[in-house]
C-alpha atoms as a PDB file:
ATOM      1  CA  MET A   1     -10.537  53.411  89.050  1.00  0.00           C
ATOM      2  CA  LYS A   2     -11.307  55.013  85.690  1.00  0.00           C
ATOM      3  CA  SER A   3      -9.464  52.385  83.651  1.00  0.00           C
ATOM      4  CA  ARG A   4     -11.281  49.631  85.516  1.00  0.00           C
ATOM      5  CA  ILE A   5     -14.642  51.259  84.744  1.00  0.00           C
ATOM      6  CA  GLN A   6     -13.821  51.467  81.058  1.00  0.00           C
ATOM      7  CA  LEU A   7     -12.687  47.845  81.087  1.00  0.00           C
ATOM      8  CA  THR A   8     -15.964  46.818  82.646  1.00  0.00           C
ATOM      9  CA  ALA A   9     -18.056  48.654  80.094  1.00  0.00           C
ATOM     10  CA  ASN A  10     -16.164  47.691  76.969  1.00  0.00           C
ATOM     11  CA  THR A  11     -14.892  44.144  77.312  1.00  0.00           C
ATOM     12  CA  ALA A  12     -17.913  42.145  78.506  1.00  0.00           C
ATOM     13  CA  PRO A  13     -19.605  42.047  75.057  1.00  0.00           C
ATOM     14  CA  LEU A  14     -16.314  41.010  73.429  1.00  0.00           C
ATOM     15  CA  LEU A  15     -15.885  38.201  75.959  1.00  0.00           C
ATOM     16  CA  LEU A  16     -19.423  36.974  75.208  1.00  0.00           C
ATOM     17  CA  ILE A  17     -18.759  37.044  71.452  1.00  0.00           C
ATOM     18  CA  GLY A  18     -15.577  35.012  71.952  1.00  0.00           C
ATOM     19  CA  SER A  19     -17.547  32.586  74.096  1.00  0.00           C
ATOM     20  CA  GLY A  20     -20.178  32.195  71.397  1.00  0.00           C
ATOM     21  CA  LEU A  21     -17.662  31.622  68.603  1.00  0.00           C
ATOM     22  CA  THR A  22     -16.029  28.693  70.385  1.00  0.00           C
ATOM     23  CA  GLN A  23     -19.327  27.241  71.620  1.00  0.00           C
ATOM     24  CA  TYR A  24     -20.747  26.961  68.094  1.00  0.00           C
ATOM     25  CA  VAL A  25     -17.796  24.950  66.878  1.00  0.00           C
ATOM     26  CA  GLY A  26     -18.218  22.670  69.883  1.00  0.00           C
ATOM     27  CA  ALA A  27     -21.961  22.434  69.249  1.00  0.00           C
ATOM     28  CA  ALA A  28     -21.316  21.256  65.705  1.00  0.00           C
ATOM     29  CA  LEU A  29     -19.140  18.437  67.047  1.00  0.00           C
ATOM     30  CA  ALA A  30     -21.778  17.566  69.643  1.00  0.00           C
ATOM     31  CA  ILE A  31     -24.539  17.246  67.042  1.00  0.00           C
ATOM     32  CA  VAL A  32     -22.382  14.842  65.045  1.00  0.00           C
ATOM     33  CA  LEU A  33     -21.841  12.788  68.208  1.00  0.00           C
ATOM     34  CA  PHE A  34     -25.587  12.391  68.781  1.00  0.00           C
ATOM     35  CA  THR A  35     -25.631   9.625  66.174  1.00  0.00           C
ATOM     36  CA  GLN A  36     -23.177   7.598  68.253  1.00  0.00           C
ATOM     37  CA  VAL A  37     -23.723   8.688  71.862  1.00  0.00           C
ATOM     38  CA  THR A  38     -26.862   9.852  73.695  1.00  0.00           C
ATOM     39  CA  PRO A  39     -27.243  13.631  74.124  1.00  0.00           C
ATOM     40  CA  ALA A  40     -27.068  13.351  77.921  1.00  0.00           C
ATOM     41  CA  ALA A  41     -23.838  11.343  77.661  1.00  0.00           C
ATOM     42  CA  VAL A  42     -22.322  13.925  75.296  1.00  0.00           C
ATOM     43  CA  ALA A  43     -23.186  16.630  77.818  1.00  0.00           C
ATOM     44  CA  TRP A  44     -21.561  14.576  80.592  1.00  0.00           C
ATOM     45  CA  TRP A  45     -18.387  14.037  78.578  1.00  0.00           C
ATOM     46  CA  ARG A  46     -18.319  17.767  77.855  1.00  0.00           C
ATOM     47  CA  VAL A  47     -18.327  18.560  81.571  1.00  0.00           C
ATOM     48  CA  ALA A  48     -16.004  15.687  82.526  1.00  0.00           C
ATOM     49  CA  VAL A  49     -13.349  16.804  80.044  1.00  0.00           C
ATOM     50  CA  ALA A  50     -13.672  20.372  81.283  1.00  0.00           C
ATOM     51  CA  ALA A  51     -13.401  19.209  84.900  1.00  0.00           C
ATOM     52  CA  THR A  52     -10.153  17.378  84.141  1.00  0.00           C
ATOM     53  CA  VAL A  53      -8.651  20.443  82.496  1.00  0.00           C
ATOM     54  CA  PHE A  54      -9.781  22.863  85.203  1.00  0.00           C
ATOM     55  CA  ILE A  55      -8.663  20.603  88.062  1.00  0.00           C
ATOM     56  CA  LEU A  56      -5.180  20.188  86.606  1.00  0.00           C
ATOM     57  CA  TRP A  57      -4.979  23.891  85.797  1.00  0.00           C
ATOM     58  CA  ARG A  58      -6.423  25.512  88.928  1.00  0.00           C
ATOM     59  CA  ARG A  59      -5.716  22.819  91.578  1.00  0.00           C
ATOM     60  CA  PRO A  60      -8.670  23.731  93.813  1.00  0.00           C
ATOM     61  CA  TRP A  61      -7.379  21.728  96.791  1.00  0.00           C
ATOM     62  CA  ARG A  62      -4.821  24.510  97.286  1.00  0.00           C
ATOM     63  CA  MET A  63      -7.535  27.157  97.652  1.00  0.00           C
ATOM     64  CA  ARG A  64      -8.423  28.498 101.053  1.00  0.00           C
ATOM     65  CA  LEU A  65     -12.185  28.226 100.709  1.00  0.00           C
ATOM     66  CA  SER A  66     -14.849  27.731 103.327  1.00  0.00           C
ATOM     67  CA  ARG A  67     -17.376  24.907 103.218  1.00  0.00           C
ATOM     68  CA  VAL A  68     -19.950  27.419 102.054  1.00  0.00           C
ATOM     69  CA  ASP A  69     -17.716  28.448  99.148  1.00  0.00           C
ATOM     70  CA  TRP A  70     -17.191  24.829  98.135  1.00  0.00           C
ATOM     71  CA  GLY A  71     -20.922  24.180  98.390  1.00  0.00           C
ATOM     72  CA  ARG A  72     -21.867  27.174  96.266  1.00  0.00           C
ATOM     73  CA  SER A  73     -19.329  26.265  93.613  1.00  0.00           C
ATOM     74  CA  ALA A  74     -20.579  22.679  93.561  1.00  0.00           C
ATOM     75  CA  LEU A  75     -24.198  23.829  93.222  1.00  0.00           C
ATOM     76  CA  PHE A  76     -23.173  26.159  90.415  1.00  0.00           C
ATOM     77  CA  GLY A  77     -21.561  23.229  88.600  1.00  0.00           C
ATOM     78  CA  VAL A  78     -24.558  20.936  89.019  1.00  0.00           C
ATOM     79  CA  VAL A  79     -26.899  23.617  87.651  1.00  0.00           C
ATOM     80  CA  MET A  80     -24.521  24.226  84.738  1.00  0.00           C
ATOM     81  CA  THR A  81     -24.332  20.511  83.926  1.00  0.00           C
ATOM     82  CA  LEU A  82     -28.100  20.106  84.114  1.00  0.00           C
ATOM     83  CA  MET A  83     -28.440  23.080  81.765  1.00  0.00           C
ATOM     84  CA  ASN A  84     -26.174  21.382  79.228  1.00  0.00           C
ATOM     85  CA  VAL A  85     -27.971  18.035  79.521  1.00  0.00           C
ATOM     86  CA  LEU A  86     -31.404  19.599  79.031  1.00  0.00           C
ATOM     87  CA  PHE A  87     -30.224  21.723  76.107  1.00  0.00           C
ATOM     88  CA  TYR A  88     -28.660  18.759  74.309  1.00  0.00           C
ATOM     89  CA  GLU A  89     -31.827  16.744  74.868  1.00  0.00           C
ATOM     90  CA  ALA A  90     -33.804  19.666  73.435  1.00  0.00           C
ATOM     91  CA  ILE A  91     -31.748  20.105  70.246  1.00  0.00           C
ATOM     92  CA  SER A  92     -31.946  16.358  69.596  1.00  0.00           C
ATOM     93  CA  ARG A  93     -35.737  16.823  69.250  1.00  0.00           C
ATOM     94  CA  ILE A  94     -36.323  20.359  67.948  1.00  0.00           C
ATOM     95  CA  ALA A  95     -34.450  22.805  65.743  1.00  0.00           C
ATOM     96  CA  LEU A  96     -31.439  24.534  67.282  1.00  0.00           C
ATOM     97  CA  GLY A  97     -32.876  27.986  66.642  1.00  0.00           C
ATOM     98  CA  VAL A  98     -36.153  27.151  68.369  1.00  0.00           C
ATOM     99  CA  ALA A  99     -34.300  25.712  71.348  1.00  0.00           C
ATOM    100  CA  VAL A 100     -32.127  28.823  71.617  1.00  0.00           C
ATOM    101  CA  SER A 101     -35.179  31.096  71.525  1.00  0.00           C
ATOM    102  CA  LEU A 102     -36.945  29.153  74.272  1.00  0.00           C
ATOM    103  CA  GLU A 103     -33.812  28.811  76.402  1.00  0.00           C
ATOM    104  CA  PHE A 104     -33.210  32.548  76.159  1.00  0.00           C
ATOM    105  CA  LEU A 105     -36.341  33.132  78.255  1.00  0.00           C
ATOM    106  CA  GLY A 106     -34.140  32.369  81.298  1.00  0.00           C
ATOM    107  CA  PRO A 107     -31.659  35.228  80.782  1.00  0.00           C
ATOM    108  CA  VAL A 108     -34.532  37.554  79.844  1.00  0.00           C
ATOM    109  CA  ALA A 109     -36.200  36.821  83.185  1.00  0.00           C
ATOM    110  CA  VAL A 110     -32.944  37.612  85.013  1.00  0.00           C
ATOM    111  CA  ALA A 111     -32.505  40.837  83.052  1.00  0.00           C
ATOM    112  CA  VAL A 112     -36.069  42.004  83.733  1.00  0.00           C
ATOM    113  CA  MET A 113     -36.196  41.092  87.429  1.00  0.00           C
ATOM    114  CA  GLY A 114     -32.655  42.187  88.214  1.00  0.00           C
ATOM    115  CA  SER A 115     -32.768  45.644  86.662  1.00  0.00           C
ATOM    116  CA  LYS A 116     -34.176  48.743  88.343  1.00  0.00           C
ATOM    117  CA  HIS A 117     -34.202  50.762  85.109  1.00  0.00           C
ATOM    118  CA  TRP A 118     -37.183  50.641  82.752  1.00  0.00           C
ATOM    119  CA  THR A 119     -34.805  51.054  79.803  1.00  0.00           C
ATOM    120  CA  SER A 120     -33.076  47.781  80.644  1.00  0.00           C
ATOM    121  CA  ARG A 121     -36.415  46.000  80.827  1.00  0.00           C
ATOM    122  CA  VAL A 122     -37.396  47.313  77.426  1.00  0.00           C
ATOM    123  CA  ALA A 123     -33.986  46.231  76.142  1.00  0.00           C
ATOM    124  CA  ALA A 124     -34.569  42.720  77.506  1.00  0.00           C
ATOM    125  CA  VAL A 125     -37.847  42.463  75.601  1.00  0.00           C
ATOM    126  CA  ALA A 126     -36.122  43.783  72.468  1.00  0.00           C
ATOM    127  CA  ALA A 127     -33.355  41.199  72.871  1.00  0.00           C
ATOM    128  CA  LEU A 128     -35.917  38.400  73.166  1.00  0.00           C
ATOM    129  CA  ALA A 129     -37.725  39.676  70.067  1.00  0.00           C
ATOM    130  CA  GLY A 130     -34.399  39.737  68.251  1.00  0.00           C
ATOM    131  CA  VAL A 131     -33.587  36.151  69.169  1.00  0.00           C
ATOM    132  CA  VAL A 132     -37.047  35.016  68.076  1.00  0.00           C
ATOM    133  CA  SER A 133     -36.637  36.886  64.780  1.00  0.00           C
ATOM    134  CA  ILE A 134     -33.306  35.167  64.150  1.00  0.00           C
ATOM    135  CA  SER A 135     -34.434  31.697  65.145  1.00  0.00           C
ATOM    136  CA  GLY A 136     -38.152  31.598  64.465  1.00  0.00           C
ATOM    137  CA  PHE A 137     -40.575  29.192  66.101  1.00  0.00           C
ATOM    138  CA  GLY A 138     -42.854  27.426  63.607  1.00  0.00           C
ATOM    139  CA  VAL A 139     -43.100  24.260  65.679  1.00  0.00           C
ATOM    140  CA  ASN A 140     -45.861  21.673  65.847  1.00  0.00           C
ATOM    141  CA  VAL A 141     -46.649  21.344  69.534  1.00  0.00           C
ATOM    142  CA  GLN A 142     -49.013  18.466  68.779  1.00  0.00           C
ATOM    143  CA  ASP A 143     -46.020  16.234  68.054  1.00  0.00           C
ATOM    144  CA  PRO A 144     -45.008  14.459  71.314  1.00  0.00           C
ATOM    145  CA  LYS A 145     -41.325  14.557  70.363  1.00  0.00           C
ATOM    146  CA  THR A 146     -41.480  18.298  69.687  1.00  0.00           C
ATOM    147  CA  ALA A 147     -43.461  18.961  72.869  1.00  0.00           C
ATOM    148  CA  LEU A 148     -40.839  17.127  74.920  1.00  0.00           C
ATOM    149  CA  GLY A 149     -38.095  19.110  73.199  1.00  0.00           C
ATOM    150  CA  ILE A 150     -39.851  22.350  74.148  1.00  0.00           C
ATOM    151  CA  ILE A 151     -40.065  21.226  77.774  1.00  0.00           C
ATOM    152  CA  PHE A 152     -36.348  20.411  77.782  1.00  0.00           C
ATOM    153  CA  ALA A 153     -35.525  23.808  76.255  1.00  0.00           C
ATOM    154  CA  LEU A 154     -37.603  25.659  78.851  1.00  0.00           C
ATOM    155  CA  GLY A 155     -35.904  23.645  81.595  1.00  0.00           C
ATOM    156  CA  ALA A 156     -32.520  24.595  80.150  1.00  0.00           C
ATOM    157  CA  GLY A 157     -33.626  28.234  80.225  1.00  0.00           C
ATOM    158  CA  ALA A 158     -34.496  27.996  83.902  1.00  0.00           C
ATOM    159  CA  CYS A 159     -31.076  26.491  84.588  1.00  0.00           C
ATOM    160  CA  TRP A 160     -29.437  29.223  82.499  1.00  0.00           C
ATOM    161  CA  ALA A 161     -31.065  31.820  84.760  1.00  0.00           C
ATOM    162  CA  GLY A 162     -29.706  30.012  87.821  1.00  0.00           C
ATOM    163  CA  TYR A 163     -26.282  29.703  86.190  1.00  0.00           C
ATOM    164  CA  ILE A 164     -26.145  33.474  85.636  1.00  0.00           C
ATOM    165  CA  VAL A 165     -27.259  34.430  89.143  1.00  0.00           C
ATOM    166  CA  LEU A 166     -25.023  31.912  90.939  1.00  0.00           C
ATOM    167  CA  GLY A 167     -22.062  32.515  88.640  1.00  0.00           C
ATOM    168  CA  GLN A 168     -22.170  36.292  88.977  1.00  0.00           C
ATOM    169  CA  ARG A 169     -22.319  36.127  92.762  1.00  0.00           C
ATOM    170  CA  ILE A 170     -19.361  33.769  92.875  1.00  0.00           C
ATOM    171  CA  ALA A 171     -17.290  35.644  90.285  1.00  0.00           C
ATOM    172  CA  SER A 172     -17.830  38.954  92.109  1.00  0.00           C
ATOM    173  CA  GLN A 173     -16.267  37.504  95.273  1.00  0.00           C
ATOM    174  CA  ARG A 174     -13.454  35.300  93.986  1.00  0.00           C
ATOM    175  CA  SER A 175     -12.053  33.744  90.824  1.00  0.00           C
ATOM    176  CA  GLY A 176     -14.890  32.435  88.689  1.00  0.00           C
ATOM    177  CA  ILE A 177     -12.505  30.069  86.914  1.00  0.00           C
ATOM    178  CA  ASP A 178     -11.502  28.506  90.240  1.00  0.00           C
ATOM    179  CA  SER A 179     -15.177  27.932  90.944  1.00  0.00           C
ATOM    180  CA  LEU A 180     -15.535  26.328  87.516  1.00  0.00           C
ATOM    181  CA  ALA A 181     -12.922  23.768  88.545  1.00  0.00           C
ATOM    182  CA  ILE A 182     -14.977  22.781  91.589  1.00  0.00           C
ATOM    183  CA  GLY A 183     -18.297  23.080  89.789  1.00  0.00           C
ATOM    184  CA  THR A 184     -17.459  20.990  86.740  1.00  0.00           C
ATOM    185  CA  LEU A 185     -16.058  18.253  88.983  1.00  0.00           C
ATOM    186  CA  ALA A 186     -19.252  18.245  91.055  1.00  0.00           C
ATOM    187  CA  GLY A 187     -21.404  18.165  87.918  1.00  0.00           C
ATOM    188  CA  ALA A 188     -19.454  15.282  86.432  1.00  0.00           C
ATOM    189  CA  VAL A 189     -19.745  13.258  89.646  1.00  0.00           C
ATOM    190  CA  VAL A 190     -23.471  13.918  90.176  1.00  0.00           C
ATOM    191  CA  PHE A 191     -24.449  12.987  86.600  1.00  0.00           C
ATOM    192  CA  LEU A 192     -22.063  10.036  86.235  1.00  0.00           C
ATOM    193  CA  PRO A 193     -24.718   7.383  87.125  1.00  0.00           C
ATOM    194  CA  PHE A 194     -26.910   8.563  84.236  1.00  0.00           C
ATOM    195  CA  CYS A 195     -24.164   8.190  81.635  1.00  0.00           C
ATOM    196  CA  VAL A 196     -21.887   5.437  82.921  1.00  0.00           C
ATOM    197  CA  THR A 197     -23.174   2.887  80.381  1.00  0.00           C
ATOM    198  CA  GLN A 198     -21.974   5.115  77.519  1.00  0.00           C
ATOM    199  CA  ILE A 199     -18.387   5.410  78.748  1.00  0.00           C
ATOM    200  CA  PRO A 200     -17.001   2.108  77.371  1.00  0.00           C
ATOM    201  CA  LYS A 201     -18.296   2.910  73.886  1.00  0.00           C
ATOM    202  CA  VAL A 202     -16.482   6.234  73.796  1.00  0.00           C
ATOM    203  CA  VAL A 203     -13.266   4.931  75.352  1.00  0.00           C
ATOM    204  CA  ALA A 204     -13.086   2.144  72.765  1.00  0.00           C
ATOM    205  CA  SER A 205     -13.081   4.593  69.846  1.00  0.00           C
ATOM    206  CA  PRO A 206     -10.170   7.019  69.249  1.00  0.00           C
ATOM    207  CA  VAL A 207     -12.439   9.057  66.981  1.00  0.00           C
ATOM    208  CA  LEU A 208     -15.082   9.447  69.680  1.00  0.00           C
ATOM    209  CA  ILE A 209     -12.434  10.268  72.276  1.00  0.00           C
ATOM    210  CA  GLY A 210     -11.099  13.024  70.038  1.00  0.00           C
ATOM    211  CA  ALA A 211     -14.602  14.338  69.448  1.00  0.00           C
ATOM    212  CA  VAL A 212     -15.569  14.516  73.139  1.00  0.00           C
ATOM    213  CA  LEU A 213     -12.245  16.173  73.922  1.00  0.00           C
ATOM    214  CA  GLY A 214     -13.031  18.783  71.294  1.00  0.00           C
ATOM    215  CA  VAL A 215     -16.545  19.301  72.661  1.00  0.00           C
ATOM    216  CA  GLY A 216     -15.242  19.698  76.214  1.00  0.00           C
ATOM    217  CA  LEU A 217     -12.561  22.210  75.274  1.00  0.00           C
ATOM    218  CA  LEU A 218     -14.555  24.230  72.762  1.00  0.00           C
ATOM    219  CA  SER A 219     -17.956  24.132  74.460  1.00  0.00           C
ATOM    220  CA  THR A 220     -16.956  24.495  78.116  1.00  0.00           C
ATOM    221  CA  VAL A 221     -13.300  25.212  78.964  1.00  0.00           C
ATOM    222  CA  VAL A 222     -12.763  28.190  76.656  1.00  0.00           C
ATOM    223  CA  PRO A 223     -16.244  29.786  76.568  1.00  0.00           C
ATOM    224  CA  TYR A 224     -17.085  29.335  80.243  1.00  0.00           C
ATOM    225  CA  SER A 225     -13.706  30.793  81.220  1.00  0.00           C
ATOM    226  CA  LEU A 226     -14.535  33.857  79.125  1.00  0.00           C
ATOM    227  CA  GLU A 227     -18.000  34.044  80.669  1.00  0.00           C
ATOM    228  CA  ALA A 228     -16.527  33.828  84.161  1.00  0.00           C
ATOM    229  CA  LEU A 229     -14.388  36.869  83.366  1.00  0.00           C
ATOM    230  CA  ALA A 230     -17.410  38.713  81.972  1.00  0.00           C
ATOM    231  CA  MET A 231     -19.482  37.862  85.070  1.00  0.00           C
ATOM    232  CA  SER A 232     -16.865  39.487  87.278  1.00  0.00           C
ATOM    233  CA  LYS A 233     -17.229  42.779  85.399  1.00  0.00           C
ATOM    234  CA  VAL A 234     -20.975  43.347  85.106  1.00  0.00           C
ATOM    235  CA  HIS A 235     -24.164  42.879  87.103  1.00  0.00           C
ATOM    236  CA  ALA A 236     -26.136  39.671  86.596  1.00  0.00           C
ATOM    237  CA  SER A 237     -28.996  41.507  84.832  1.00  0.00           C
ATOM    238  CA  VAL A 238     -26.584  43.141  82.376  1.00  0.00           C
ATOM    239  CA  PHE A 239     -24.766  39.872  81.739  1.00  0.00           C
ATOM    240  CA  ALA A 240     -28.115  38.193  81.098  1.00  0.00           C
ATOM    241  CA  LEU A 241     -28.974  40.832  78.515  1.00  0.00           C
ATOM    242  CA  LEU A 242     -25.582  40.524  76.844  1.00  0.00           C
ATOM    243  CA  THR A 243     -26.186  36.810  76.278  1.00  0.00           C
ATOM    244  CA  ALA A 244     -28.365  37.918  73.360  1.00  0.00           C
ATOM    245  CA  LEU A 245     -25.050  38.288  71.545  1.00  0.00           C
ATOM    246  CA  LEU A 246     -24.688  34.503  71.419  1.00  0.00           C
ATOM    247  CA  PRO A 247     -27.424  33.690  68.864  1.00  0.00           C
ATOM    248  CA  ALA A 248     -26.500  36.841  66.938  1.00  0.00           C
ATOM    249  CA  THR A 249     -22.881  35.663  66.783  1.00  0.00           C
ATOM    250  CA  SER A 250     -23.986  32.282  65.440  1.00  0.00           C
ATOM    251  CA  LEU A 251     -25.832  34.039  62.618  1.00  0.00           C
ATOM    252  CA  LEU A 252     -22.741  36.030  61.674  1.00  0.00           C
ATOM    253  CA  VAL A 253     -20.552  32.932  61.781  1.00  0.00           C
ATOM    254  CA  GLY A 254     -22.944  31.152  59.449  1.00  0.00           C
ATOM    255  CA  ALA A 255     -22.849  34.023  56.975  1.00  0.00           C
ATOM    256  CA  VAL A 256     -19.062  34.338  56.958  1.00  0.00           C
ATOM    257  CA  ALA A 257     -17.960  30.709  57.241  1.00  0.00           C
ATOM    258  CA  LEU A 258     -20.828  28.852  55.597  1.00  0.00           C
ATOM    259  CA  GLN A 259     -22.172  31.472  53.171  1.00  0.00           C
ATOM    260  CA  GLN A 260     -25.555  31.188  54.883  1.00  0.00           C
ATOM    261  CA  PHE A 261     -26.743  34.742  54.404  1.00  0.00           C
ATOM    262  CA  PRO A 262     -29.611  35.793  56.676  1.00  0.00           C
ATOM    263  CA  ALA A 263     -33.132  36.674  55.532  1.00  0.00           C
ATOM    264  CA  TRP A 264     -34.699  40.002  56.513  1.00  0.00           C
ATOM    265  CA  PRO A 265     -36.236  38.722  59.787  1.00  0.00           C
ATOM    266  CA  SER A 266     -32.773  37.692  60.933  1.00  0.00           C
ATOM    267  CA  VAL A 267     -31.348  41.085  59.986  1.00  0.00           C
ATOM    268  CA  ALA A 268     -34.151  42.725  61.973  1.00  0.00           C
ATOM    269  CA  GLY A 269     -33.266  40.470  64.886  1.00  0.00           C
ATOM    270  CA  LEU A 270     -29.625  41.560  64.718  1.00  0.00           C
ATOM    271  CA  ILE A 271     -30.680  45.204  64.825  1.00  0.00           C
ATOM    272  CA  LEU A 272     -32.918  44.622  67.847  1.00  0.00           C
ATOM    273  CA  ILE A 273     -30.152  42.775  69.692  1.00  0.00           C
ATOM    274  CA  SER A 274     -27.593  45.459  68.829  1.00  0.00           C
ATOM    275  CA  LEU A 275     -29.894  48.140  70.253  1.00  0.00           C
ATOM    276  CA  ALA A 276     -30.511  46.062  73.393  1.00  0.00           C
ATOM    277  CA  VAL A 277     -26.793  45.517  73.969  1.00  0.00           C
ATOM    278  CA  ALA A 278     -26.112  49.215  73.404  1.00  0.00           C
ATOM    279  CA  VAL A 279     -28.642  50.083  76.125  1.00  0.00           C
ATOM    280  CA  ALA A 280     -27.117  47.503  78.475  1.00  0.00           C
ATOM    281  CA  SER A 281     -23.620  48.861  77.904  1.00  0.00           C
ATOM    282  CA  ARG A 282     -24.828  52.410  78.503  1.00  0.00           C
ATOM    283  CA  ASP A 283     -26.518  51.423  81.750  1.00  0.00           C
ATOM    284  CA  THR A 284     -23.348  49.642  82.869  1.00  0.00           C
ATOM    285  CA  THR A 285     -21.223  52.709  82.130  1.00  0.00           C
ATOM    286  CA  GLN A 286     -23.707  55.026  83.853  1.00  0.00           C
ATOM    287  CA  GLY A 287     -23.841  52.791  86.906  1.00  0.00           C
ATOM    288  CA  ALA A 288     -20.062  52.701  87.109  1.00  0.00           C
ATOM    289  CA  GLN A 289     -19.943  56.507  86.740  1.00  0.00           C
ATOM    290  CA  ASN A 290     -22.418  56.920  89.601  1.00  0.00           C
ATOM    291  CA  ALA A 291     -20.367  54.562  91.758  1.00  0.00           C
ATOM    292  CA  ARG A 292     -17.216  56.548  91.024  1.00  0.00           C
ATOM    293  CA  GLU A 293     -18.941  59.814  91.975  1.00  0.00           C
ATOM    294  CA  VAL A 294     -20.075  58.325  95.289  1.00  0.00           C
ATOM    295  CA  ILE A 295     -16.531  57.164  96.049  1.00  0.00           C
ATOM    296  CA  GLU A 296     -15.029  60.521  95.119  1.00  0.00           C
ATOM    297  CA  ASN A 297     -17.561  62.372  97.262  1.00  0.00           C
ATOM    298  CA  ALA A 298     -16.851  60.073 100.192  1.00  0.00           C
ATOM    299  CA  GLU A 299     -13.113  60.645  99.790  1.00  0.00           C
ATOM    300  CA  GLY A 300     -13.709  64.399  99.713  1.00  0.00           C
ATOM    301  CA  ILE A 301     -15.694  64.273 102.939  1.00  0.00           C
ATOM    302  CA  SER A 302     -13.045  62.158 104.673  1.00  0.00           C
ATOM    303  CA  ASP A 303     -10.342  64.621 103.608  1.00  0.00           C
END
């Protein structure tokens, strides 16, 4: 039991960092694709490619799942796909950093409402402040295009909250990656009518095919598999708080790979996020310790 507790406390942040690293490379490819394919279509291709990979890998038809399990996994996939569509529509209209800050309101809400400890709630607020410090707002809400982008980003945040809650419940009961296979297939099918007109254009271009394959693998298959593993190890509120690592990771990647060194507000944001994650990790370890003590006491009574 002890090794499992340590694994739970120590690996979830690393899994989220790995998820962020691959997602940012995929996001770069997606932004390039926006000049050729609509954002919603790029999001659909992202999920469709992932669905193909997951279906061939996990073969969900061999799983012994109830209708309820299939339904929950399908709903999870539709919410995830809608989150991607809304986020891509948002970053096609407003700056990426602004969209990330607004979208992060979803995980913050999950962290605040799902935690019973006041320290975790303070940490959630600190994480939000850190993301805002890194990204910054500075938007003109009077511009219709910007206003629509903000609405899309807030919608993506609401879907992100649903993604975390549904995903954690599923991953705590069975393989989260198996559920991804069902979910991505459901998402691709549901959103196909909205993107079907863009398919011939992509299929006719080897360059575009290669790009959407890259987006699907780097933005969904790899990172969402890592997130599914992380969801199986921590509570939804803790996972939501740990998602603050994603914008922080993007800042570090920019500094190392692109020589884009952060200004002092971004450094302050990194410090706030680091403190928030430290609190979340401590709460996770303490909760696991309490659970172990309860089990040991119960075993002692039964003996």
